[in-house]
Amino acid sequence: MSRGGTWALVPARSFATAKSRLGLPRSARAALARALFGHVCDAVAASSRLAGLLVATDGDDVADDAAARGLGVLYDQGQPPLAAVVDRGLAQLAARGATAALVVMADLPLVAASDLDAVVAALADADVAAAPDRDELGTNALAIRLDPDRAAATCFGHRDSYLRHVAATAAGGLRLATCRRPGLAFDLDWPDDVDALLASGAAAPALEAEARVLGQRAVRAERVSGVVDLIERIATAAVRAGVVEASQDPVQRRPLGRNATGGPRGAP
């Protein structure tokens, strides 16, 4: 790992145990998690603002996939809390000379390099830049300046991690920028997320007819293999077509004490 610059940190649970909330057979969940992880890694590789990528995982399968891509791996056994995994990864990056880091979740089917670049760019006028999920409760990406003499503490692993990051930034007297982009806001955690993805119009026109054929509640077990394949191709098509672009002013300042609106789509 070379020193300096801004590095990405992607925490990824073992493919074998990931995405249990989707209610799919294990083999389908593993295939979906692997496809999503690969898509996020490709977006990082295409970013003009990221010097490299460190993968933090508890799974041999993820570690093997990352190693095959030539990526650094931080291996954690025993499934520690997500915040602890992320904080350890940030500490390792800081110790090796990285000046900033971008934490990116591994389940973002529509994320593109331009989305990641936008979050990193927001650090020009802020100490922390956060990209919330669609409910503005969770955090799908977090850019942070690194100080080798001061450990970074994040709030990942909580359903309201974005709100916690807002509060923690304010309590520390730091400047926060919020980056709202569809490619960063859309994650796959629940069955209705897959339905929303297929209905969003984000897929390339050539895939729209096939998406309609699958119909609602597309994650039914009998259609699993087709859905996994479709999601892989939607993600690829999104990158190729450059879809899901941000508004003209994607990085917006958010008052630190303001609460997010809208409720969660389901209980954790």
C-alpha atoms as a PDB file:
ATOM      1  CA  MET A   1       0.000   0.000   0.000  1.00  0.00           C
ATOM      2  CA  SER A   2       1.437   3.346  -1.065  1.00  0.00           C
ATOM      3  CA  ARG A   3       1.409   6.253   1.322  1.00  0.00           C
ATOM      4  CA  GLY A   4      -0.635   9.439   1.099  1.00  0.00           C
ATOM      5  CA  GLY A   5      -3.830  10.465  -0.593  1.00  0.00           C
ATOM      6  CA  THR A   6      -7.430   9.460   0.017  1.00  0.00           C
ATOM      7  CA  TRP A   7      -8.157   5.756   0.311  1.00  0.00           C
ATOM      8  CA  ALA A   8     -11.435   3.869   0.142  1.00  0.00           C
ATOM      9  CA  LEU A   9     -12.401   1.447   2.890  1.00  0.00           C
ATOM     10  CA  VAL A  10     -15.075  -1.106   2.015  1.00  0.00           C
ATOM     11  CA  PRO A  11     -16.351  -3.245   4.901  1.00  0.00           C
ATOM     12  CA  ALA A  12     -17.908  -6.427   3.565  1.00  0.00           C
ATOM     13  CA  ARG A  13     -19.477  -9.250   5.506  1.00  0.00           C
ATOM     14  CA  SER A  14     -18.788 -12.805   4.323  1.00  0.00           C
ATOM     15  CA  PHE A  15     -20.761 -13.514   1.169  1.00  0.00           C
ATOM     16  CA  ALA A  16     -22.017 -16.700   2.802  1.00  0.00           C
ATOM     17  CA  THR A  17     -23.834 -14.823   5.574  1.00  0.00           C
ATOM     18  CA  ALA A  18     -24.667 -11.503   3.878  1.00  0.00           C
ATOM     19  CA  LYS A  19     -28.097 -10.196   2.880  1.00  0.00           C
ATOM     20  CA  SER A  20     -30.113 -12.429   5.205  1.00  0.00           C
ATOM     21  CA  ARG A  21     -32.910  -9.824   5.367  1.00  0.00           C
ATOM     22  CA  LEU A  22     -33.774 -10.466   1.714  1.00  0.00           C
ATOM     23  CA  GLY A  23     -35.099 -13.899   2.651  1.00  0.00           C
ATOM     24  CA  LEU A  24     -33.281 -15.656  -0.190  1.00  0.00           C
ATOM     25  CA  PRO A  25     -31.596 -19.071  -0.259  1.00  0.00           C
ATOM     26  CA  ARG A  26     -27.998 -18.861   0.904  1.00  0.00           C
ATOM     27  CA  SER A  27     -26.497 -19.525  -2.530  1.00  0.00           C
ATOM     28  CA  ALA A  28     -28.517 -16.679  -4.062  1.00  0.00           C
ATOM     29  CA  ARG A  29     -27.617 -14.310  -1.243  1.00  0.00           C
ATOM     30  CA  ALA A  30     -23.945 -15.142  -1.661  1.00  0.00           C
ATOM     31  CA  ALA A  31     -24.085 -14.556  -5.405  1.00  0.00           C
ATOM     32  CA  LEU A  32     -25.874 -11.245  -4.929  1.00  0.00           C
ATOM     33  CA  ALA A  33     -23.455 -10.071  -2.225  1.00  0.00           C
ATOM     34  CA  ARG A  34     -20.480 -11.000  -4.407  1.00  0.00           C
ATOM     35  CA  ALA A  35     -21.922  -9.129  -7.396  1.00  0.00           C
ATOM     36  CA  LEU A  36     -22.618  -6.014  -5.331  1.00  0.00           C
ATOM     37  CA  PHE A  37     -19.146  -6.109  -3.779  1.00  0.00           C
ATOM     38  CA  GLY A  38     -17.548  -6.392  -7.205  1.00  0.00           C
ATOM     39  CA  HIS A  39     -19.600  -3.491  -8.510  1.00  0.00           C
ATOM     40  CA  VAL A  40     -18.546  -1.231  -5.628  1.00  0.00           C
ATOM     41  CA  CYS A  41     -14.890  -2.227  -6.056  1.00  0.00           C
ATOM     42  CA  ASP A  42     -15.110  -1.384  -9.757  1.00  0.00           C
ATOM     43  CA  ALA A  43     -16.575   2.039  -8.939  1.00  0.00           C
ATOM     44  CA  VAL A  44     -13.699   2.702  -6.538  1.00  0.00           C
ATOM     45  CA  ALA A  45     -11.157   1.620  -9.151  1.00  0.00           C
ATOM     46  CA  ALA A  46     -12.682   4.071 -11.640  1.00  0.00           C
ATOM     47  CA  SER A  47     -12.619   7.002  -9.220  1.00  0.00           C
ATOM     48  CA  SER A  48     -10.203   9.824 -10.014  1.00  0.00           C
ATOM     49  CA  ARG A  49      -9.932  10.886  -6.360  1.00  0.00           C
ATOM     50  CA  LEU A  50      -9.100   7.604  -4.636  1.00  0.00           C
ATOM     51  CA  ALA A  51      -5.543   6.297  -4.341  1.00  0.00           C
ATOM     52  CA  GLY A  52      -6.520   2.739  -3.450  1.00  0.00           C
ATOM     53  CA  LEU A  53      -8.885   0.416  -1.624  1.00  0.00           C
ATOM     54  CA  LEU A  54      -8.676  -1.521   1.624  1.00  0.00           C
ATOM     55  CA  VAL A  55     -11.296  -4.236   2.209  1.00  0.00           C
ATOM     56  CA  ALA A  56     -12.294  -5.048   5.794  1.00  0.00           C
ATOM     57  CA  THR A  57     -14.013  -8.400   6.176  1.00  0.00           C
ATOM     58  CA  ASP A  58     -14.736 -11.379   8.388  1.00  0.00           C
ATOM     59  CA  GLY A  59     -14.990 -13.792   5.476  1.00  0.00           C
ATOM     60  CA  ASP A  60     -12.427 -15.913   3.678  1.00  0.00           C
ATOM     61  CA  ASP A  61     -14.585 -15.673   0.547  1.00  0.00           C
ATOM     62  CA  VAL A  62     -14.455 -11.869   0.540  1.00  0.00           C
ATOM     63  CA  ALA A  63     -10.747 -11.873   1.365  1.00  0.00           C
ATOM     64  CA  ASP A  64     -10.034 -14.251  -1.533  1.00  0.00           C
ATOM     65  CA  ASP A  65     -12.082 -12.118  -3.945  1.00  0.00           C
ATOM     66  CA  ALA A  66     -10.307  -8.946  -2.795  1.00  0.00           C
ATOM     67  CA  ALA A  67      -6.877 -10.560  -3.052  1.00  0.00           C
ATOM     68  CA  ALA A  68      -7.659 -11.721  -6.582  1.00  0.00           C
ATOM     69  CA  ARG A  69      -8.327  -8.060  -7.406  1.00  0.00           C
ATOM     70  CA  GLY A  70      -4.992  -7.076  -5.940  1.00  0.00           C
ATOM     71  CA  LEU A  71      -6.577  -5.259  -3.005  1.00  0.00           C
ATOM     72  CA  GLY A  72      -5.389  -4.945   0.569  1.00  0.00           C
ATOM     73  CA  VAL A  73      -7.392  -6.907   3.134  1.00  0.00           C
ATOM     74  CA  LEU A  74      -8.002  -6.285   6.821  1.00  0.00           C
ATOM     75  CA  TYR A  75      -9.262  -9.567   8.224  1.00  0.00           C
ATOM     76  CA  ASP A  76     -11.484  -9.628  11.328  1.00  0.00           C
ATOM     77  CA  GLN A  77     -12.692 -12.939  12.692  1.00  0.00           C
ATOM     78  CA  GLY A  78     -15.673 -13.287  14.989  1.00  0.00           C
ATOM     79  CA  GLN A  79     -17.951 -10.701  13.341  1.00  0.00           C
ATOM     80  CA  PRO A  80     -17.083  -7.667  15.502  1.00  0.00           C
ATOM     81  CA  PRO A  81     -19.432  -4.652  15.425  1.00  0.00           C
ATOM     82  CA  LEU A  82     -19.335  -2.793  12.123  1.00  0.00           C
ATOM     83  CA  ALA A  83     -18.145   0.443  13.751  1.00  0.00           C
ATOM     84  CA  ALA A  84     -15.191  -1.404  15.292  1.00  0.00           C
ATOM     85  CA  VAL A  85     -14.265  -2.917  11.929  1.00  0.00           C
ATOM     86  CA  VAL A  86     -14.446   0.470  10.208  1.00  0.00           C
ATOM     87  CA  ASP A  87     -12.539   2.282  12.949  1.00  0.00           C
ATOM     88  CA  ARG A  88      -9.781  -0.306  12.854  1.00  0.00           C
ATOM     89  CA  GLY A  89      -9.538   0.076   9.089  1.00  0.00           C
ATOM     90  CA  LEU A  90      -9.358   3.866   9.366  1.00  0.00           C
ATOM     91  CA  ALA A  91      -6.596   3.561  11.967  1.00  0.00           C
ATOM     92  CA  GLN A  92      -4.613   1.300   9.655  1.00  0.00           C
ATOM     93  CA  LEU A  93      -4.986   3.730   6.754  1.00  0.00           C
ATOM     94  CA  ALA A  94      -3.924   6.663   8.933  1.00  0.00           C
ATOM     95  CA  ALA A  95      -0.892   4.746  10.220  1.00  0.00           C
ATOM     96  CA  ARG A  96       0.182   4.056   6.648  1.00  0.00           C
ATOM     97  CA  GLY A  97       0.019   7.712   5.638  1.00  0.00           C
ATOM     98  CA  ALA A  98      -3.432   8.179   4.105  1.00  0.00           C
ATOM     99  CA  THR A  99      -4.628  11.745   4.626  1.00  0.00           C
ATOM    100  CA  ALA A 100      -8.325  10.973   4.233  1.00  0.00           C
ATOM    101  CA  ALA A 101     -10.600   7.978   3.788  1.00  0.00           C
ATOM    102  CA  LEU A 102     -13.909   7.211   2.149  1.00  0.00           C
ATOM    103  CA  VAL A 103     -15.909   4.430   3.805  1.00  0.00           C
ATOM    104  CA  VAL A 104     -18.284   2.862   1.276  1.00  0.00           C
ATOM    105  CA  MET A 105     -20.860   0.197   1.972  1.00  0.00           C
ATOM    106  CA  ALA A 106     -20.650  -2.893  -0.240  1.00  0.00           C
ATOM    107  CA  ASP A 107     -24.320  -3.095  -1.279  1.00  0.00           C
ATOM    108  CA  LEU A 108     -24.840  -0.100  -3.578  1.00  0.00           C
ATOM    109  CA  PRO A 109     -26.043  -1.371  -6.989  1.00  0.00           C
ATOM    110  CA  LEU A 110     -26.206   2.056  -8.653  1.00  0.00           C
ATOM    111  CA  VAL A 111     -23.096   3.706  -7.287  1.00  0.00           C
ATOM    112  CA  ALA A 112     -20.680   5.155  -9.838  1.00  0.00           C
ATOM    113  CA  ALA A 113     -17.200   6.628  -9.610  1.00  0.00           C
ATOM    114  CA  SER A 114     -18.671  10.120  -9.973  1.00  0.00           C
ATOM    115  CA  ASP A 115     -20.705   9.550  -6.787  1.00  0.00           C
ATOM    116  CA  LEU A 116     -17.594   8.618  -4.839  1.00  0.00           C
ATOM    117  CA  ASP A 117     -15.684  11.566  -6.280  1.00  0.00           C
ATOM    118  CA  ALA A 118     -18.451  13.907  -5.123  1.00  0.00           C
ATOM    119  CA  VAL A 119     -18.221  12.766  -1.499  1.00  0.00           C
ATOM    120  CA  VAL A 120     -14.437  13.113  -1.452  1.00  0.00           C
ATOM    121  CA  ALA A 121     -14.673  16.545  -3.101  1.00  0.00           C
ATOM    122  CA  ALA A 122     -16.975  17.671  -0.301  1.00  0.00           C
ATOM    123  CA  LEU A 123     -14.036  17.422   2.118  1.00  0.00           C
ATOM    124  CA  ALA A 124     -12.610  20.568   0.508  1.00  0.00           C
ATOM    125  CA  ASP A 125     -14.972  22.600   2.712  1.00  0.00           C
ATOM    126  CA  ALA A 126     -15.710  20.121   5.494  1.00  0.00           C
ATOM    127  CA  ASP A 127     -14.071  17.780   7.962  1.00  0.00           C
ATOM    128  CA  VAL A 128     -16.623  15.024   7.396  1.00  0.00           C
ATOM    129  CA  ALA A 129     -18.855  14.310   4.390  1.00  0.00           C
ATOM    130  CA  ALA A 130     -21.732  11.862   4.741  1.00  0.00           C
ATOM    131  CA  ALA A 131     -23.994  10.240   2.153  1.00  0.00           C
ATOM    132  CA  PRO A 132     -27.229   9.059   3.796  1.00  0.00           C
ATOM    133  CA  ASP A 133     -29.509   6.291   2.598  1.00  0.00           C
ATOM    134  CA  ARG A 134     -32.951   6.954   1.122  1.00  0.00           C
ATOM    135  CA  ASP A 135     -34.532   7.232   4.567  1.00  0.00           C
ATOM    136  CA  GLU A 136     -31.804   9.651   5.711  1.00  0.00           C
ATOM    137  CA  LEU A 137     -31.199   7.383   8.669  1.00  0.00           C
ATOM    138  CA  GLY A 138     -28.301   5.141   7.704  1.00  0.00           C
ATOM    139  CA  THR A 139     -24.916   6.066   6.230  1.00  0.00           C
ATOM    140  CA  ASN A 140     -23.927   4.527   2.908  1.00  0.00           C
ATOM    141  CA  ALA A 141     -20.675   6.464   2.495  1.00  0.00           C
ATOM    142  CA  LEU A 142     -18.585   8.604   4.811  1.00  0.00           C
ATOM    143  CA  ALA A 143     -15.512  10.653   3.910  1.00  0.00           C
ATOM    144  CA  ILE A 144     -13.313  11.760   6.773  1.00  0.00           C
ATOM    145  CA  ARG A 145      -9.981  13.487   7.251  1.00  0.00           C
ATOM    146  CA  LEU A 146      -7.471  11.257   9.016  1.00  0.00           C
ATOM    147  CA  ASP A 147      -5.125  12.220  11.838  1.00  0.00           C
ATOM    148  CA  PRO A 148      -2.486   9.617  12.779  1.00  0.00           C
ATOM    149  CA  ASP A 149      -2.433  11.040  16.312  1.00  0.00           C
ATOM    150  CA  ARG A 150      -6.188  10.865  16.857  1.00  0.00           C
ATOM    151  CA  ALA A 151      -8.295   7.781  16.300  1.00  0.00           C
ATOM    152  CA  ALA A 152     -11.438   8.228  14.235  1.00  0.00           C
ATOM    153  CA  ALA A 153     -14.684   6.976  15.765  1.00  0.00           C
ATOM    154  CA  THR A 154     -17.646   6.196  13.528  1.00  0.00           C
ATOM    155  CA  CYS A 155     -21.241   5.215  14.201  1.00  0.00           C
ATOM    156  CA  PHE A 156     -21.745   2.460  11.645  1.00  0.00           C
ATOM    157  CA  GLY A 157     -23.837  -0.553  12.556  1.00  0.00           C
ATOM    158  CA  HIS A 158     -26.855   1.453  13.786  1.00  0.00           C
ATOM    159  CA  ARG A 159     -30.012   1.973  11.733  1.00  0.00           C
ATOM    160  CA  ASP A 160     -29.725   5.716  12.456  1.00  0.00           C
ATOM    161  CA  SER A 161     -25.985   5.938  11.867  1.00  0.00           C
ATOM    162  CA  TYR A 162     -26.352   9.039   9.682  1.00  0.00           C
ATOM    163  CA  LEU A 163     -28.112  10.932  12.475  1.00  0.00           C
ATOM    164  CA  ARG A 164     -25.444   9.729  14.896  1.00  0.00           C
ATOM    165  CA  HIS A 165     -22.693  10.913  12.568  1.00  0.00           C
ATOM    166  CA  VAL A 166     -24.381  14.321  12.342  1.00  0.00           C
ATOM    167  CA  ALA A 167     -24.589  14.557  16.132  1.00  0.00           C
ATOM    168  CA  ALA A 168     -21.033  13.345  16.692  1.00  0.00           C
ATOM    169  CA  THR A 169     -19.653  15.808  14.156  1.00  0.00           C
ATOM    170  CA  ALA A 170     -21.467  18.676  15.825  1.00  0.00           C
ATOM    171  CA  ALA A 171     -20.316  17.584  19.290  1.00  0.00           C
ATOM    172  CA  GLY A 172     -16.725  17.544  18.073  1.00  0.00           C
ATOM    173  CA  GLY A 173     -16.949  21.036  16.613  1.00  0.00           C
ATOM    174  CA  LEU A 174     -16.320  19.717  13.101  1.00  0.00           C
ATOM    175  CA  ARG A 175     -17.794  20.835   9.788  1.00  0.00           C
ATOM    176  CA  LEU A 176     -20.195  18.402   8.108  1.00  0.00           C
ATOM    177  CA  ALA A 177     -21.248  18.230   4.470  1.00  0.00           C
ATOM    178  CA  THR A 178     -24.113  15.997   3.380  1.00  0.00           C
ATOM    179  CA  CYS A 179     -23.913  14.518  -0.102  1.00  0.00           C
ATOM    180  CA  ARG A 180     -27.263  13.369  -1.446  1.00  0.00           C
ATOM    181  CA  ARG A 181     -26.952  11.352  -4.637  1.00  0.00           C
ATOM    182  CA  PRO A 182     -29.282   8.557  -5.816  1.00  0.00           C
ATOM    183  CA  GLY A 183     -26.366   6.263  -6.591  1.00  0.00           C
ATOM    184  CA  LEU A 184     -25.213   6.488  -2.985  1.00  0.00           C
ATOM    185  CA  ALA A 185     -28.631   6.518  -1.349  1.00  0.00           C
ATOM    186  CA  PHE A 186     -29.838   3.264  -2.897  1.00  0.00           C
ATOM    187  CA  ASP A 187     -28.764   0.136  -1.024  1.00  0.00           C
ATOM    188  CA  LEU A 188     -30.144  -3.404  -1.012  1.00  0.00           C
ATOM    189  CA  ASP A 189     -31.233  -4.530   2.439  1.00  0.00           C
ATOM    190  CA  TRP A 190     -34.903  -5.474   2.138  1.00  0.00           C
ATOM    191  CA  PRO A 191     -37.108  -7.209  -0.458  1.00  0.00           C
ATOM    192  CA  ASP A 192     -38.801  -3.916  -1.343  1.00  0.00           C
ATOM    193  CA  ASP A 193     -35.384  -2.445  -2.167  1.00  0.00           C
ATOM    194  CA  VAL A 194     -35.095  -4.917  -5.032  1.00  0.00           C
ATOM    195  CA  ASP A 195     -38.626  -4.088  -6.158  1.00  0.00           C
ATOM    196  CA  ALA A 196     -37.798  -0.380  -6.050  1.00  0.00           C
ATOM    197  CA  LEU A 197     -34.617  -0.943  -8.039  1.00  0.00           C
ATOM    198  CA  LEU A 198     -36.495  -2.720 -10.797  1.00  0.00           C
ATOM    199  CA  ALA A 199     -39.226  -0.067 -10.817  1.00  0.00           C
ATOM    200  CA  SER A 200     -36.924   2.947 -10.590  1.00  0.00           C
ATOM    201  CA  GLY A 201     -36.178   3.271 -14.285  1.00  0.00           C
ATOM    202  CA  ALA A 202     -32.468   3.268 -13.516  1.00  0.00           C
ATOM    203  CA  ALA A 203     -31.900   0.234 -15.696  1.00  0.00           C
ATOM    204  CA  ALA A 204     -30.851   0.698 -19.285  1.00  0.00           C
ATOM    205  CA  PRO A 205     -33.807   0.610 -21.742  1.00  0.00           C
ATOM    206  CA  ALA A 206     -32.790  -2.832 -22.973  1.00  0.00           C
ATOM    207  CA  LEU A 207     -33.392  -4.239 -19.501  1.00  0.00           C
ATOM    208  CA  GLU A 208     -36.699  -2.529 -18.768  1.00  0.00           C
ATOM    209  CA  ALA A 209     -38.870  -5.123 -20.508  1.00  0.00           C
ATOM    210  CA  GLU A 210     -37.204  -7.969 -18.639  1.00  0.00           C
ATOM    211  CA  ALA A 211     -37.637  -6.095 -15.354  1.00  0.00           C
ATOM    212  CA  ARG A 212     -41.363  -5.757 -16.032  1.00  0.00           C
ATOM    213  CA  VAL A 213     -41.654  -9.469 -16.794  1.00  0.00           C
ATOM    214  CA  LEU A 214     -40.227 -10.316 -13.373  1.00  0.00           C
ATOM    215  CA  GLY A 215     -42.983  -8.215 -11.854  1.00  0.00           C
ATOM    216  CA  GLN A 216     -43.502  -7.165  -8.276  1.00  0.00           C
ATOM    217  CA  ARG A 217     -41.854  -8.872  -5.322  1.00  0.00           C
ATOM    218  CA  ALA A 218     -39.066  -9.947  -7.612  1.00  0.00           C
ATOM    219  CA  VAL A 219     -37.053 -11.646  -4.888  1.00  0.00           C
ATOM    220  CA  ARG A 220     -39.286 -14.699  -4.605  1.00  0.00           C
ATOM    221  CA  ALA A 221     -37.202 -17.839  -4.219  1.00  0.00           C
ATOM    222  CA  GLU A 222     -38.376 -19.359  -7.496  1.00  0.00           C
ATOM    223  CA  ARG A 223     -37.003 -16.379  -9.410  1.00  0.00           C
ATOM    224  CA  VAL A 224     -33.801 -15.922  -7.474  1.00  0.00           C
ATOM    225  CA  SER A 225     -31.279 -16.817 -10.151  1.00  0.00           C
ATOM    226  CA  GLY A 226     -32.895 -14.472 -12.649  1.00  0.00           C
ATOM    227  CA  VAL A 227     -33.011 -11.618 -10.167  1.00  0.00           C
ATOM    228  CA  VAL A 228     -29.366 -11.999  -9.207  1.00  0.00           C
ATOM    229  CA  ASP A 229     -28.379 -11.956 -12.865  1.00  0.00           C
ATOM    230  CA  LEU A 230     -30.645  -9.000 -13.561  1.00  0.00           C
ATOM    231  CA  ILE A 231     -29.249  -6.940 -10.693  1.00  0.00           C
ATOM    232  CA  GLU A 232     -25.712  -7.625 -11.878  1.00  0.00           C
ATOM    233  CA  ARG A 233     -26.604  -6.404 -15.360  1.00  0.00           C
ATOM    234  CA  ILE A 234     -28.514  -3.386 -14.071  1.00  0.00           C
ATOM    235  CA  ALA A 235     -25.461  -2.319 -12.114  1.00  0.00           C
ATOM    236  CA  THR A 236     -23.198  -2.802 -15.131  1.00  0.00           C
ATOM    237  CA  ALA A 237     -25.604  -0.974 -17.407  1.00  0.00           C
ATOM    238  CA  ALA A 238     -25.886   1.896 -14.949  1.00  0.00           C
ATOM    239  CA  VAL A 239     -22.136   2.455 -15.039  1.00  0.00           C
ATOM    240  CA  ARG A 240     -21.876   2.150 -18.804  1.00  0.00           C
ATOM    241  CA  ALA A 241     -24.785   4.497 -19.416  1.00  0.00           C
ATOM    242  CA  GLY A 242     -23.757   6.957 -16.718  1.00  0.00           C
ATOM    243  CA  VAL A 243     -27.273   6.895 -15.268  1.00  0.00           C
ATOM    244  CA  VAL A 244     -28.344   8.102 -11.835  1.00  0.00           C
ATOM    245  CA  GLU A 245     -26.489  11.369 -12.036  1.00  0.00           C
ATOM    246  CA  ALA A 246     -26.766  13.922  -9.258  1.00  0.00           C
ATOM    247  CA  SER A 247     -28.555  17.255  -9.364  1.00  0.00           C
ATOM    248  CA  GLN A 248     -26.591  20.357 -10.347  1.00  0.00           C
ATOM    249  CA  ASP A 249     -25.715  21.010  -6.719  1.00  0.00           C
ATOM    250  CA  PRO A 250     -25.360  17.512  -5.219  1.00  0.00           C
ATOM    251  CA  VAL A 251     -23.491  18.475  -2.063  1.00  0.00           C
ATOM    252  CA  GLN A 252     -25.819  20.277   0.296  1.00  0.00           C
ATOM    253  CA  ARG A 253     -25.192  21.723   3.699  1.00  0.00           C
ATOM    254  CA  ARG A 254     -27.491  20.351   6.361  1.00  0.00           C
ATOM    255  CA  PRO A 255     -28.097  22.112   9.704  1.00  0.00           C
ATOM    256  CA  LEU A 256     -26.397  19.965  12.315  1.00  0.00           C
ATOM    257  CA  GLY A 257     -29.348  19.920  14.672  1.00  0.00           C
ATOM    258  CA  ARG A 258     -32.024  19.127  12.110  1.00  0.00           C
ATOM    259  CA  ASN A 259     -33.726  15.745  12.147  1.00  0.00           C
ATOM    260  CA  ALA A 260     -34.275  13.722   9.010  1.00  0.00           C
ATOM    261  CA  THR A 261     -37.813  13.246   7.750  1.00  0.00           C
ATOM    262  CA  GLY A 262     -39.381  10.005   6.643  1.00  0.00           C
ATOM    263  CA  GLY A 263     -39.547   6.712   8.487  1.00  0.00           C
ATOM    264  CA  PRO A 264     -37.725   3.446   8.011  1.00  0.00           C
ATOM    265  CA  ARG A 265     -39.012   0.860   5.574  1.00  0.00           C
ATOM    266  CA  GLY A 266     -38.795  -1.959   8.104  1.00  0.00           C
ATOM    267  CA  ALA A 267     -37.454  -2.959  11.467  1.00  0.00           C
ATOM    268  CA  PRO A 268     -33.864  -4.205  11.668  1.00  0.00           C
END
